[in-house]
PDB file of N, CA and C in Angstrom:
ATOM      1  N   UNK A   1       0.912  -0.745   0.022  1.00  0.00           N
ATOM      2  CA  UNK A   1       0.109  -0.006  -0.118  1.00  0.00           C
ATOM      3  C   UNK A   1       1.065   0.998  -0.073  1.00  0.00           C
ATOM      4  N   UNK A   2       2.069   1.286   0.975  1.00  0.00           N
ATOM      5  CA  UNK A   2       2.577   2.451   1.020  1.00  0.00           C
ATOM      6  C   UNK A   2       3.301   2.575  -0.798  1.00  0.00           C
ATOM      7  N   UNK A   3       3.762   1.734  -1.078  1.00  0.00           N
ATOM      8  CA  UNK A   3       4.474   1.619  -2.343  1.00  0.00           C
ATOM      9  C   UNK A   3       3.683   2.110  -3.334  1.00  0.00           C
ATOM     10  N   UNK A   4       2.289   1.777  -3.531  1.00  0.00           N
ATOM     11  CA  UNK A   4       1.426   1.924  -4.149  1.00  0.00           C
ATOM     12  C   UNK A   4       1.042   3.279  -4.275  1.00  0.00           C
ATOM     13  N   UNK A   5       0.476   3.909  -2.851  1.00  0.00           N
ATOM     14  CA  UNK A   5       0.714   5.717  -2.955  1.00  0.00           C
ATOM     15  C   UNK A   5       1.657   6.588  -2.944  1.00  0.00           C
ATOM     16  N   UNK A   6       2.248   5.855  -2.471  1.00  0.00           N
ATOM     17  CA  UNK A   6       3.875   7.513  -2.449  1.00  0.00           C
ATOM     18  C   UNK A   6       4.726   7.019  -3.887  1.00  0.00           C
ATOM     19  N   UNK A   7       4.833   5.458  -4.049  1.00  0.00           N
ATOM     20  CA  UNK A   7       5.893   4.987  -5.058  1.00  0.00           C
ATOM     21  C   UNK A   7       7.414   5.026  -4.231  1.00  0.00           C
ATOM     22  N   UNK A   8       7.532   4.663  -2.560  1.00  0.00           N
ATOM     23  CA  UNK A   8       8.487   4.498  -1.553  1.00  0.00           C
ATOM     24  C   UNK A   8       8.682   2.918  -1.943  1.00  0.00           C
ATOM     25  N   UNK A   9       9.792   2.296  -2.256  1.00  0.00           N
ATOM     26  CA  UNK A   9      10.206   1.331  -2.369  1.00  0.00           C
ATOM     27  C   UNK A   9      11.204   0.496  -1.573  1.00  0.00           C
ATOM     28  N   UNK A  10      11.071  -0.743  -0.546  1.00  0.00           N
ATOM     29  CA  UNK A  10      12.386  -1.063  -0.344  1.00  0.00           C
ATOM     30  C   UNK A  10      12.004  -0.664   1.298  1.00  0.00           C
ATOM     31  N   UNK A  11      10.436  -0.372   1.417  1.00  0.00           N
ATOM     32  CA  UNK A  11       9.877  -0.453   2.962  1.00  0.00           C
ATOM     33  C   UNK A  11      10.640  -1.617   3.871  1.00  0.00           C
ATOM     34  N   UNK A  12      10.853  -0.863   4.978  1.00  0.00           N
ATOM     35  CA  UNK A  12      11.037  -2.227   6.290  1.00  0.00           C
ATOM     36  C   UNK A  12      10.154  -2.163   7.339  1.00  0.00           C
ATOM     37  N   UNK A  13       8.887  -2.900   7.273  1.00  0.00           N
ATOM     38  CA  UNK A  13       8.466  -2.766   8.539  1.00  0.00           C
ATOM     39  C   UNK A  13       9.137  -2.920  10.081  1.00  0.00           C
ATOM     40  N   UNK A  14       8.902  -2.214  11.017  1.00  0.00           N
ATOM     41  CA  UNK A  14       9.575  -2.449  12.140  1.00  0.00           C
ATOM     42  C   UNK A  14       8.215  -2.832  13.230  1.00  0.00           C
ATOM     43  N   UNK A  15       8.319  -1.776  14.428  1.00  0.00           N
ATOM     44  CA  UNK A  15       7.237  -2.132  15.297  1.00  0.00           C
ATOM     45  C   UNK A  15       5.485  -1.859  14.237  1.00  0.00           C
ATOM     46  N   UNK A  16       4.600  -3.134  15.130  1.00  0.00           N
ATOM     47  CA  UNK A  16       3.358  -2.445  14.871  1.00  0.00           C
ATOM     48  C   UNK A  16       3.081  -1.375  15.920  1.00  0.00           C
ATOM     49  N   UNK A  17       2.285  -0.644  15.428  1.00  0.00           N
ATOM     50  CA  UNK A  17       1.713   1.172  16.101  1.00  0.00           C
ATOM     51  C   UNK A  17      -0.020   0.720  16.645  1.00  0.00           C
ATOM     52  N   UNK A  18      -0.316   0.534  14.990  1.00  0.00           N
ATOM     53  CA  UNK A  18      -1.600   0.797  15.575  1.00  0.00           C
ATOM     54  C   UNK A  18      -3.303   0.184  14.781  1.00  0.00           C
ATOM     55  N   UNK A  19      -4.199  -0.369  15.171  1.00  0.00           N
ATOM     56  CA  UNK A  19      -5.218  -0.304  13.582  1.00  0.00           C
ATOM     57  C   UNK A  19      -6.241   0.452  13.575  1.00  0.00           C
ATOM     58  N   UNK A  20      -6.609   1.424  12.304  1.00  0.00           N
ATOM     59  CA  UNK A  20      -7.266   2.465  12.473  1.00  0.00           C
ATOM     60  C   UNK A  20      -8.370   1.633  11.412  1.00  0.00           C
ATOM     61  N   UNK A  21      -9.917   2.476  11.726  1.00  0.00           N
ATOM     62  CA  UNK A  21     -10.977   2.326  10.825  1.00  0.00           C
ATOM     63  C   UNK A  21     -11.650   3.568  10.241  1.00  0.00           C
ATOM     64  N   UNK A  22     -11.930   3.771   8.923  1.00  0.00           N
ATOM     65  CA  UNK A  22     -12.714   4.510   8.299  1.00  0.00           C
ATOM     66  C   UNK A  22     -13.656   3.906   7.460  1.00  0.00           C
ATOM     67  N   UNK A  23     -14.619   4.969   7.351  1.00  0.00           N
ATOM     68  CA  UNK A  23     -16.093   4.913   6.164  1.00  0.00           C
ATOM     69  C   UNK A  23     -15.791   5.545   4.702  1.00  0.00           C
ATOM     70  N   UNK A  24     -16.077   4.704   3.765  1.00  0.00           N
ATOM     71  CA  UNK A  24     -17.083   5.595   2.825  1.00  0.00           C
ATOM     72  C   UNK A  24     -17.399   4.923   1.860  1.00  0.00           C
ATOM     73  N   UNK A  25     -17.864   5.753   0.731  1.00  0.00           N
ATOM     74  CA  UNK A  25     -18.868   5.359   0.276  1.00  0.00           C
ATOM     75  C   UNK A  25     -18.364   5.475  -1.398  1.00  0.00           C
ATOM     76  N   UNK A  26     -18.650   3.691  -1.727  1.00  0.00           N
ATOM     77  CA  UNK A  26     -18.021   3.689  -3.367  1.00  0.00           C
ATOM     78  C   UNK A  26     -19.489   3.239  -4.082  1.00  0.00           C
ATOM     79  N   UNK A  27     -19.739   3.156  -5.307  1.00  0.00           N
ATOM     80  CA  UNK A  27     -20.501   2.608  -6.118  1.00  0.00           C
ATOM     81  C   UNK A  27     -21.844   2.740  -5.229  1.00  0.00           C
ATOM     82  N   UNK A  28     -22.124   3.737  -4.127  1.00  0.00           N
ATOM     83  CA  UNK A  28     -23.765   3.536  -3.155  1.00  0.00           C
ATOM     84  C   UNK A  28     -23.207   2.611  -2.257  1.00  0.00           C
ATOM     85  N   UNK A  29     -22.453   2.248  -2.174  1.00  0.00           N
ATOM     86  CA  UNK A  29     -22.116   1.151  -1.137  1.00  0.00           C
ATOM     87  C   UNK A  29     -21.745   1.497   0.115  1.00  0.00           C
ATOM     88  N   UNK A  30     -21.562   1.272   1.413  1.00  0.00           N
ATOM     89  CA  UNK A  30     -20.704   2.178   2.642  1.00  0.00           C
ATOM     90  C   UNK A  30     -20.086   0.832   2.883  1.00  0.00           C
ATOM     91  N   UNK A  31     -18.383   1.664   2.946  1.00  0.00           N
ATOM     92  CA  UNK A  31     -17.525   0.727   2.917  1.00  0.00           C
ATOM     93  C   UNK A  31     -16.562   0.866   4.157  1.00  0.00           C
ATOM     94  N   UNK A  32     -16.329  -0.141   4.899  1.00  0.00           N
ATOM     95  CA  UNK A  32     -15.416   0.495   6.544  1.00  0.00           C
ATOM     96  C   UNK A  32     -13.965  -0.509   5.930  1.00  0.00           C
ATOM     97  N   UNK A  33     -13.154   0.858   6.194  1.00  0.00           N
ATOM     98  CA  UNK A  33     -11.544   0.335   5.576  1.00  0.00           C
ATOM     99  C   UNK A  33     -10.829  -0.180   7.260  1.00  0.00           C
ATOM    100  N   UNK A  34      -9.977  -1.086   7.495  1.00  0.00           N
ATOM    101  CA  UNK A  34      -9.212  -1.152   8.610  1.00  0.00           C
ATOM    102  C   UNK A  34      -8.049  -1.283   8.183  1.00  0.00           C
ATOM    103  N   UNK A  35      -7.516  -0.291   8.584  1.00  0.00           N
ATOM    104  CA  UNK A  35      -5.680   0.065   8.203  1.00  0.00           C
ATOM    105  C   UNK A  35      -4.909  -0.232   9.189  1.00  0.00           C
ATOM    106  N   UNK A  36      -3.560  -0.900   9.243  1.00  0.00           N
ATOM    107  CA  UNK A  36      -3.203  -1.405   9.851  1.00  0.00           C
ATOM    108  C   UNK A  36      -1.326  -0.719   9.900  1.00  0.00           C
ATOM    109  N   UNK A  37      -1.118   0.351  11.207  1.00  0.00           N
ATOM    110  CA  UNK A  37       0.044   1.184  10.617  1.00  0.00           C
ATOM    111  C   UNK A  37       1.301   0.609  11.492  1.00  0.00           C
ATOM    112  N   UNK A  38       2.567   1.091  10.822  1.00  0.00           N
ATOM    113  CA  UNK A  38       3.937  -0.045  11.668  1.00  0.00           C
ATOM    114  C   UNK A  38       5.115   1.386  11.528  1.00  0.00           C
ATOM    115  N   UNK A  39       5.479   1.264  12.287  1.00  0.00           N
ATOM    116  CA  UNK A  39       7.230   2.255  12.263  1.00  0.00           C
ATOM    117  C   UNK A  39       7.617   1.510  11.085  1.00  0.00           C
ATOM    118  N   UNK A  40       7.876   2.495   9.908  1.00  0.00           N
ATOM    119  CA  UNK A  40       8.602   1.565   8.940  1.00  0.00           C
ATOM    120  C   UNK A  40      10.361   2.388   9.031  1.00  0.00           C
ATOM    121  N   UNK A  41      10.909   1.877   8.017  1.00  0.00           N
ATOM    122  CA  UNK A  41      12.272   2.513   7.649  1.00  0.00           C
ATOM    123  C   UNK A  41      12.213   2.330   6.057  1.00  0.00           C
ATOM    124  N   UNK A  42      13.014   3.250   5.295  1.00  0.00           N
ATOM    125  CA  UNK A  42      13.611   3.570   4.228  1.00  0.00           C
ATOM    126  C   UNK A  42      14.373   4.210   3.693  1.00  0.00           C
ATOM    127  N   UNK A  43      15.215   3.728   2.250  1.00  0.00           N
ATOM    128  CA  UNK A  43      15.850   5.269   1.701  1.00  0.00           C
ATOM    129  C   UNK A  43      14.909   6.326   1.509  1.00  0.00           C
ATOM    130  N   UNK A  44      15.471   7.128   2.222  1.00  0.00           N
ATOM    131  CA  UNK A  44      14.885   8.608   2.049  1.00  0.00           C
ATOM    132  C   UNK A  44      14.973   9.374   0.808  1.00  0.00           C
ATOM    133  N   UNK A  45      15.744   8.924   0.131  1.00  0.00           N
ATOM    134  CA  UNK A  45      16.575   9.718  -1.235  1.00  0.00           C
ATOM    135  C   UNK A  45      16.029   9.158  -2.418  1.00  0.00           C
ATOM    136  N   UNK A  46      14.842   8.393  -2.150  1.00  0.00           N
ATOM    137  CA  UNK A  46      14.148   8.369  -3.375  1.00  0.00           C
ATOM    138  C   UNK A  46      13.071   9.285  -3.672  1.00  0.00           C
ATOM    139  N   UNK A  47      12.655   9.451  -4.515  1.00  0.00           N
ATOM    140  CA  UNK A  47      11.217  10.359  -5.511  1.00  0.00           C
ATOM    141  C   UNK A  47      10.155   9.857  -5.068  1.00  0.00           C
ATOM    142  N   UNK A  48       9.648  10.741  -4.198  1.00  0.00           N
ATOM    143  CA  UNK A  48       7.779  10.052  -3.745  1.00  0.00           C
ATOM    144  C   UNK A  48       7.408  10.790  -5.108  1.00  0.00           C
ATOM    145  N   UNK A  49       6.380   9.238  -5.166  1.00  0.00           N
ATOM    146  CA  UNK A  49       5.574   9.900  -6.377  1.00  0.00           C
ATOM    147  C   UNK A  49       3.910   9.791  -6.025  1.00  0.00           C
ATOM    148  N   UNK A  50       3.221  10.870  -5.881  1.00  0.00           N
ATOM    149  CA  UNK A  50       1.654  10.715  -4.992  1.00  0.00           C
ATOM    150  C   UNK A  50       0.888   9.882  -6.162  1.00  0.00           C
ATOM    151  N   UNK A  51       0.195   9.168  -5.492  1.00  0.00           N
ATOM    152  CA  UNK A  51      -1.246   8.356  -6.454  1.00  0.00           C
ATOM    153  C   UNK A  51      -2.316   9.003  -7.008  1.00  0.00           C
ATOM    154  N   UNK A  52      -2.225   9.883  -7.961  1.00  0.00           N
ATOM    155  CA  UNK A  52      -3.537  10.942  -8.318  1.00  0.00           C
ATOM    156  C   UNK A  52      -4.836  10.095  -8.404  1.00  0.00           C
ATOM    157  N   UNK A  53      -4.889   8.875  -8.736  1.00  0.00           N
ATOM    158  CA  UNK A  53      -6.095   8.375  -9.086  1.00  0.00           C
ATOM    159  C   UNK A  53      -6.719   7.677  -7.829  1.00  0.00           C
ATOM    160  N   UNK A  54      -6.117   8.282  -6.703  1.00  0.00           N
ATOM    161  CA  UNK A  54      -6.598   7.779  -5.388  1.00  0.00           C
ATOM    162  C   UNK A  54      -6.762   9.278  -4.261  1.00  0.00           C
ATOM    163  N   UNK A  55      -6.531  10.761  -4.909  1.00  0.00           N
ATOM    164  CA  UNK A  55      -6.366  11.340  -5.006  1.00  0.00           C
ATOM    165  C   UNK A  55      -5.669  11.891  -3.878  1.00  0.00           C
ATOM    166  N   UNK A  56      -4.716  11.323  -4.163  1.00  0.00           N
ATOM    167  CA  UNK A  56      -3.143  11.853  -3.624  1.00  0.00           C
ATOM    168  C   UNK A  56      -2.539  12.416  -4.532  1.00  0.00           C
ATOM    169  N   UNK A  57      -2.049  14.051  -3.675  1.00  0.00           N
ATOM    170  CA  UNK A  57      -1.553  14.754  -4.257  1.00  0.00           C
ATOM    171  C   UNK A  57      -0.314  15.316  -4.409  1.00  0.00           C
ATOM    172  N   UNK A  58       0.628  15.432  -3.002  1.00  0.00           N
ATOM    173  CA  UNK A  58       1.337  15.720  -2.811  1.00  0.00           C
ATOM    174  C   UNK A  58       1.723  14.081  -1.523  1.00  0.00           C
ATOM    175  N   UNK A  59       3.047  13.968  -1.764  1.00  0.00           N
ATOM    176  CA  UNK A  59       4.121  13.140  -0.548  1.00  0.00           C
ATOM    177  C   UNK A  59       4.974  14.013  -0.526  1.00  0.00           C
ATOM    178  N   UNK A  60       5.683  13.774   0.541  1.00  0.00           N
ATOM    179  CA  UNK A  60       6.463  14.386   0.977  1.00  0.00           C
ATOM    180  C   UNK A  60       7.206  13.998   2.421  1.00  0.00           C
ATOM    181  N   UNK A  61       8.672  14.104   2.759  1.00  0.00           N
ATOM    182  CA  UNK A  61       8.680  13.785   3.825  1.00  0.00           C
ATOM    183  C   UNK A  61       8.390  14.999   5.213  1.00  0.00           C
ATOM    184  N   UNK A  62       8.103  14.276   6.450  1.00  0.00           N
ATOM    185  CA  UNK A  62       8.311  15.633   7.389  1.00  0.00           C
ATOM    186  C   UNK A  62       9.101  15.094   8.891  1.00  0.00           C
ATOM    187  N   UNK A  63       9.220  16.192   9.319  1.00  0.00           N
ATOM    188  CA  UNK A  63      10.328  15.617  10.758  1.00  0.00           C
ATOM    189  C   UNK A  63       9.178  15.944  11.547  1.00  0.00           C
ATOM    190  N   UNK A  64       8.967  15.085  12.588  1.00  0.00           N
ATOM    191  CA  UNK A  64       8.278  15.015  13.901  1.00  0.00           C
ATOM    192  C   UNK A  64       7.819  16.426  14.378  1.00  0.00           C
ATOM    193  N   UNK A  65       8.724  17.593  14.138  1.00  0.00           N
ATOM    194  CA  UNK A  65       8.493  19.254  14.432  1.00  0.00           C
ATOM    195  C   UNK A  65       7.693  19.784  13.674  1.00  0.00           C
ATOM    196  N   UNK A  66       7.546  19.558  12.280  1.00  0.00           N
ATOM    197  CA  UNK A  66       6.540  19.820  11.780  1.00  0.00           C
ATOM    198  C   UNK A  66       5.011  18.973  11.161  1.00  0.00           C
ATOM    199  N   UNK A  67       4.728  18.321  12.366  1.00  0.00           N
ATOM    200  CA  UNK A  67       3.629  17.270  12.146  1.00  0.00           C
ATOM    201  C   UNK A  67       2.528  18.379  12.736  1.00  0.00           C
ATOM    202  N   UNK A  68       2.738  19.637  13.768  1.00  0.00           N
ATOM    203  CA  UNK A  68       1.820  20.182  14.040  1.00  0.00           C
ATOM    204  C   UNK A  68       1.185  21.035  13.098  1.00  0.00           C
ATOM    205  N   UNK A  69       2.154  21.504  12.352  1.00  0.00           N
ATOM    206  CA  UNK A  69       1.884  22.433  10.919  1.00  0.00           C
ATOM    207  C   UNK A  69       0.430  22.047  10.064  1.00  0.00           C
ATOM    208  N   UNK A  70       0.575  20.033   9.867  1.00  0.00           N
ATOM    209  CA  UNK A  70      -0.679  19.967   9.314  1.00  0.00           C
ATOM    210  C   UNK A  70      -1.431  18.972   9.756  1.00  0.00           C
ATOM    211  N   UNK A  71      -1.554  18.556  10.855  1.00  0.00           N
ATOM    212  CA  UNK A  71      -2.964  18.300  12.020  1.00  0.00           C
ATOM    213  C   UNK A  71      -3.912  18.783  11.900  1.00  0.00           C
ATOM    214  N   UNK A  72      -3.959  19.854  11.440  1.00  0.00           N
ATOM    215  CA  UNK A  72      -5.473  20.612  10.869  1.00  0.00           C
ATOM    216  C   UNK A  72      -6.278  20.378   9.857  1.00  0.00           C
ATOM    217  N   UNK A  73      -5.198  19.282   8.542  1.00  0.00           N
ATOM    218  CA  UNK A  73      -5.495  19.221   7.615  1.00  0.00           C
ATOM    219  C   UNK A  73      -5.711  17.942   7.499  1.00  0.00           C
ATOM    220  N   UNK A  74      -5.659  17.219   8.208  1.00  0.00           N
ATOM    221  CA  UNK A  74      -5.799  15.664   8.845  1.00  0.00           C
ATOM    222  C   UNK A  74      -6.770  14.862   8.998  1.00  0.00           C
ATOM    223  N   UNK A  75      -7.047  13.629   8.611  1.00  0.00           N
ATOM    224  CA  UNK A  75      -7.975  12.914   9.459  1.00  0.00           C
ATOM    225  C   UNK A  75      -7.556  12.584  10.830  1.00  0.00           C
ATOM    226  N   UNK A  76      -8.930  12.439  11.133  1.00  0.00           N
ATOM    227  CA  UNK A  76      -8.696  12.153  13.138  1.00  0.00           C
ATOM    228  C   UNK A  76      -7.643  11.014  13.246  1.00  0.00           C
ATOM    229  N   UNK A  77      -8.169  10.016  12.226  1.00  0.00           N
ATOM    230  CA  UNK A  77      -7.358   8.290  12.479  1.00  0.00           C
ATOM    231  C   UNK A  77      -6.206   8.803  12.104  1.00  0.00           C
ATOM    232  N   UNK A  78      -5.792   9.077  11.091  1.00  0.00           N
ATOM    233  CA  UNK A  78      -4.244   9.580  11.066  1.00  0.00           C
ATOM    234  C   UNK A  78      -3.469  10.659  11.997  1.00  0.00           C
ATOM    235  N   UNK A  79      -4.088  11.502  13.213  1.00  0.00           N
ATOM    236  CA  UNK A  79      -3.678  12.001  13.269  1.00  0.00           C
ATOM    237  C   UNK A  79      -3.244  11.235  14.980  1.00  0.00           C
ATOM    238  N   UNK A  80      -4.349  10.388  15.400  1.00  0.00           N
ATOM    239  CA  UNK A  80      -4.310   9.308  16.313  1.00  0.00           C
ATOM    240  C   UNK A  80      -2.525   8.572  16.240  1.00  0.00           C
ATOM    241  N   UNK A  81      -2.216   8.443  14.494  1.00  0.00           N
ATOM    242  CA  UNK A  81      -0.985   7.817  14.446  1.00  0.00           C
ATOM    243  C   UNK A  81       0.033   8.495  14.653  1.00  0.00           C
ATOM    244  N   UNK A  82       0.113   9.453  14.246  1.00  0.00           N
ATOM    245  CA  UNK A  82       0.790  10.662  14.561  1.00  0.00           C
ATOM    246  C   UNK A  82       1.084  10.686  15.891  1.00  0.00           C
ATOM    247  N   UNK A  83       0.510  11.195  16.857  1.00  0.00           N
ATOM    248  CA  UNK A  83       0.501  10.929  18.111  1.00  0.00           C
ATOM    249  C   UNK A  83       1.631   9.679  18.745  1.00  0.00           C
ATOM    250  N   UNK A  84       1.530   8.795  18.140  1.00  0.00           N
ATOM    251  CA  UNK A  84       1.970   7.368  18.647  1.00  0.00           C
ATOM    252  C   UNK A  84       3.735   7.513  18.373  1.00  0.00           C
ATOM    253  N   UNK A  85       4.055   8.638  16.721  1.00  0.00           N
ATOM    254  CA  UNK A  85       5.813   8.409  16.876  1.00  0.00           C
ATOM    255  C   UNK A  85       6.194   8.842  17.278  1.00  0.00           C
TER     256      UNK A  85
END
């Protein structure tokens, strides 16, 4: 999923963090999506490529200190994940 949505390859999963859930509607059906989040490492020198077809328009690396600047434009379940890092 990470490679598909960001273009990042060679990701190594480390510690499991949390499972989150969110809902969306697709073709008139209500969908519950379960996501499993992990601490990961990879070569940060790779070029990141957003998956525009999934409405992802920008991907970039952030330092922990920069998280506060994006939290007001982040889904609540992802905000919960960021607080675990």
